[in-house]
N, C-alpha and C. Protein backbone atom coordinates (compact mmCIF):
# COMPACT_ATOMS: atom_id res chain seq x y z
N MET A 1 68.09 104.94 118.35
CA MET A 1 67.40 104.91 117.06
C MET A 1 67.12 103.46 116.65
N GLN A 2 66.03 103.29 115.95
CA GLN A 2 65.65 101.96 115.46
C GLN A 2 66.54 101.56 114.28
N PHE A 3 66.85 100.28 114.17
CA PHE A 3 67.59 99.78 113.02
C PHE A 3 67.04 98.41 112.65
N ASP A 4 67.24 98.04 111.39
CA ASP A 4 66.70 96.79 110.87
C ASP A 4 67.70 95.65 110.90
N LYS A 5 68.99 95.98 110.85
CA LYS A 5 70.03 94.96 110.82
C LYS A 5 71.27 95.53 111.49
N GLU A 6 72.03 94.65 112.16
CA GLU A 6 73.26 95.08 112.82
C GLU A 6 74.40 94.15 112.41
N ILE A 7 75.56 94.76 112.13
CA ILE A 7 76.75 93.94 111.88
C ILE A 7 77.85 94.37 112.84
N ASP A 8 78.65 93.41 113.24
CA ASP A 8 79.74 93.63 114.18
C ASP A 8 81.06 93.55 113.42
N THR A 9 81.76 94.69 113.33
CA THR A 9 83.05 94.70 112.65
C THR A 9 84.17 95.04 113.64
N ARG A 10 83.93 94.76 114.91
CA ARG A 10 84.97 95.01 115.93
C ARG A 10 86.23 94.22 115.59
N GLY A 11 87.38 94.90 115.73
CA GLY A 11 88.65 94.24 115.49
C GLY A 11 89.08 94.24 114.03
N LEU A 12 88.21 94.70 113.14
CA LEU A 12 88.54 94.75 111.72
C LEU A 12 89.00 96.15 111.34
N ASN A 13 89.99 96.24 110.48
CA ASN A 13 90.49 97.53 110.03
C ASN A 13 90.06 97.79 108.60
N CYS A 14 90.14 99.04 108.21
CA CYS A 14 89.81 99.48 106.86
C CYS A 14 90.52 98.59 105.84
N PRO A 15 89.84 98.16 104.81
CA PRO A 15 88.49 98.53 104.37
C PRO A 15 87.41 97.53 104.76
N LEU A 16 87.72 96.58 105.65
CA LEU A 16 86.76 95.50 105.94
C LEU A 16 85.42 95.98 106.51
N PRO A 17 85.37 96.95 107.45
CA PRO A 17 84.04 97.39 107.91
C PRO A 17 83.17 97.93 106.77
N ILE A 18 83.79 98.67 105.85
CA ILE A 18 83.04 99.21 104.70
C ILE A 18 82.57 98.08 103.80
N LEU A 19 83.43 97.12 103.52
CA LEU A 19 83.06 96.01 102.65
C LEU A 19 81.92 95.19 103.24
N LYS A 20 81.98 94.95 104.54
CA LYS A 20 80.91 94.19 105.20
C LYS A 20 79.60 94.97 105.20
N ALA A 21 79.70 96.29 105.40
CA ALA A 21 78.50 97.14 105.36
C ALA A 21 77.89 97.15 103.96
N LYS A 22 78.74 97.25 102.96
CA LYS A 22 78.26 97.26 101.57
C LYS A 22 77.51 95.98 101.25
N LYS A 23 78.08 94.85 101.67
CA LYS A 23 77.44 93.55 101.43
C LYS A 23 76.10 93.46 102.17
N ALA A 24 76.07 93.91 103.43
CA ALA A 24 74.83 93.87 104.22
C ALA A 24 73.75 94.75 103.59
N LEU A 25 74.14 95.91 103.09
CA LEU A 25 73.16 96.83 102.50
C LEU A 25 72.52 96.26 101.24
N THR A 26 73.27 95.44 100.49
CA THR A 26 72.69 94.88 99.26
C THR A 26 71.55 93.92 99.56
N ASP A 27 71.53 93.35 100.76
CA ASP A 27 70.46 92.43 101.16
C ASP A 27 69.28 93.13 101.82
N MET A 28 69.34 94.46 101.89
CA MET A 28 68.30 95.21 102.60
C MET A 28 67.41 95.97 101.61
N GLN A 29 66.21 96.33 102.09
CA GLN A 29 65.26 97.09 101.28
C GLN A 29 65.56 98.58 101.41
N SER A 30 65.16 99.35 100.42
CA SER A 30 65.33 100.79 100.44
C SER A 30 64.63 101.37 101.68
N GLY A 31 65.32 102.26 102.40
CA GLY A 31 64.76 102.89 103.60
C GLY A 31 65.10 102.17 104.90
N GLN A 32 65.58 100.94 104.80
CA GLN A 32 65.96 100.22 106.02
C GLN A 32 67.27 100.76 106.56
N VAL A 33 67.49 100.58 107.87
CA VAL A 33 68.66 101.14 108.54
C VAL A 33 69.59 100.01 109.00
N LEU A 34 70.87 100.18 108.70
CA LEU A 34 71.92 99.25 109.10
C LEU A 34 72.76 99.88 110.20
N LYS A 35 72.97 99.12 111.27
CA LYS A 35 73.85 99.56 112.36
C LYS A 35 75.17 98.80 112.23
N VAL A 36 76.27 99.56 112.21
CA VAL A 36 77.60 98.97 112.12
C VAL A 36 78.37 99.34 113.39
N VAL A 37 78.89 98.33 114.09
CA VAL A 37 79.72 98.56 115.27
C VAL A 37 81.16 98.27 114.88
N ALA A 38 82.04 99.27 115.05
CA ALA A 38 83.43 99.13 114.64
C ALA A 38 84.36 99.59 115.76
N THR A 39 85.62 99.17 115.68
CA THR A 39 86.63 99.64 116.63
C THR A 39 87.73 100.42 115.92
N ASP A 40 87.67 100.51 114.61
CA ASP A 40 88.65 101.26 113.82
C ASP A 40 88.28 102.74 113.83
N ALA A 41 89.15 103.57 114.42
CA ALA A 41 88.88 105.02 114.51
C ALA A 41 88.72 105.64 113.13
N GLY A 42 89.40 105.09 112.14
CA GLY A 42 89.29 105.60 110.78
C GLY A 42 87.92 105.37 110.17
N SER A 43 87.12 104.51 110.80
CA SER A 43 85.79 104.20 110.25
C SER A 43 84.88 105.43 110.27
N LEU A 44 85.11 106.38 111.17
CA LEU A 44 84.29 107.59 111.19
C LEU A 44 84.39 108.31 109.85
N ARG A 45 85.60 108.54 109.41
CA ARG A 45 85.85 109.21 108.14
C ARG A 45 85.44 108.31 106.96
N ASP A 46 85.75 107.02 107.08
CA ASP A 46 85.45 106.08 106.00
C ASP A 46 83.96 106.00 105.70
N PHE A 47 83.13 105.94 106.74
CA PHE A 47 81.68 105.83 106.52
C PHE A 47 81.08 107.12 105.98
N GLN A 48 81.68 108.26 106.32
CA GLN A 48 81.22 109.53 105.74
C GLN A 48 81.46 109.53 104.23
N ALA A 49 82.66 109.10 103.82
CA ALA A 49 82.99 109.03 102.40
C ALA A 49 82.14 107.98 101.69
N PHE A 50 81.94 106.83 102.33
CA PHE A 50 81.14 105.75 101.75
C PHE A 50 79.71 106.23 101.46
N ALA A 51 79.12 106.95 102.42
CA ALA A 51 77.75 107.44 102.24
C ALA A 51 77.68 108.40 101.05
N LYS A 52 78.64 109.31 100.93
CA LYS A 52 78.64 110.26 99.82
C LYS A 52 78.79 109.54 98.49
N GLN A 53 79.65 108.54 98.44
CA GLN A 53 79.92 107.83 97.18
C GLN A 53 78.76 106.95 96.74
N THR A 54 78.04 106.36 97.69
CA THR A 54 77.01 105.38 97.35
C THR A 54 75.59 105.95 97.34
N GLY A 55 75.40 107.12 97.93
CA GLY A 55 74.06 107.70 98.00
C GLY A 55 73.24 107.19 99.17
N ASN A 56 73.82 106.30 99.99
CA ASN A 56 73.14 105.87 101.21
C ASN A 56 73.28 107.00 102.24
N GLU A 57 72.30 107.13 103.11
CA GLU A 57 72.31 108.23 104.09
C GLU A 57 73.00 107.78 105.38
N LEU A 58 74.00 108.55 105.80
CA LEU A 58 74.64 108.33 107.09
C LEU A 58 73.78 109.06 108.11
N VAL A 59 72.94 108.30 108.81
CA VAL A 59 71.94 108.89 109.71
C VAL A 59 72.60 109.40 110.98
N GLU A 60 73.56 108.63 111.51
CA GLU A 60 74.14 108.98 112.81
C GLU A 60 75.48 108.27 112.98
N GLN A 61 76.38 108.94 113.71
CA GLN A 61 77.63 108.32 114.14
C GLN A 61 77.82 108.64 115.62
N GLN A 62 78.24 107.64 116.38
CA GLN A 62 78.48 107.82 117.81
C GLN A 62 79.79 107.15 118.18
N THR A 63 80.42 107.71 119.21
CA THR A 63 81.59 107.06 119.80
C THR A 63 81.21 106.65 121.21
N GLN A 64 81.34 105.36 121.51
CA GLN A 64 81.03 104.84 122.84
C GLN A 64 82.26 104.09 123.33
N GLY A 65 83.08 104.78 124.13
CA GLY A 65 84.31 104.17 124.60
C GLY A 65 85.24 103.93 123.43
N GLN A 66 85.62 102.68 123.21
CA GLN A 66 86.52 102.31 122.11
C GLN A 66 85.76 101.89 120.85
N GLU A 67 84.43 102.03 120.88
CA GLU A 67 83.61 101.59 119.75
C GLU A 67 82.99 102.77 119.02
N PHE A 68 82.83 102.57 117.72
CA PHE A 68 82.23 103.58 116.85
C PHE A 68 80.98 102.97 116.22
N ILE A 69 79.87 103.67 116.40
CA ILE A 69 78.57 103.19 115.92
C ILE A 69 78.17 104.03 114.71
N HIS A 70 77.82 103.35 113.63
CA HIS A 70 77.41 104.03 112.40
C HIS A 70 76.02 103.52 112.03
N LEU A 71 75.12 104.43 111.71
CA LEU A 71 73.78 104.06 111.24
C LEU A 71 73.61 104.58 109.82
N LEU A 72 73.36 103.65 108.91
CA LEU A 72 73.20 103.97 107.50
C LEU A 72 71.81 103.59 107.03
N ARG A 73 71.16 104.51 106.30
CA ARG A 73 69.85 104.21 105.70
C ARG A 73 70.07 103.86 104.23
N ARG A 74 69.57 102.70 103.85
CA ARG A 74 69.71 102.22 102.46
C ARG A 74 68.95 103.14 101.53
N ARG A 75 69.62 103.51 100.43
CA ARG A 75 68.98 104.38 99.45
C ARG A 75 67.91 103.64 98.67
């Protein structure tokens, strides 16, 4: 899938991936897609909750080996 911005949160644990994603999203335009690469298994659940709370769309989540990929569309 296409994305407009990517952030690397490998090695960071909750809540840092969410905080970095929140900061990145504030610099983006509505409709743009942010890709977050994380290694924290809890990030799967965390990003689902984050999307519900903020109104941003969680477009996709993938697990690739030890990494978790999250795609969020800015509301």
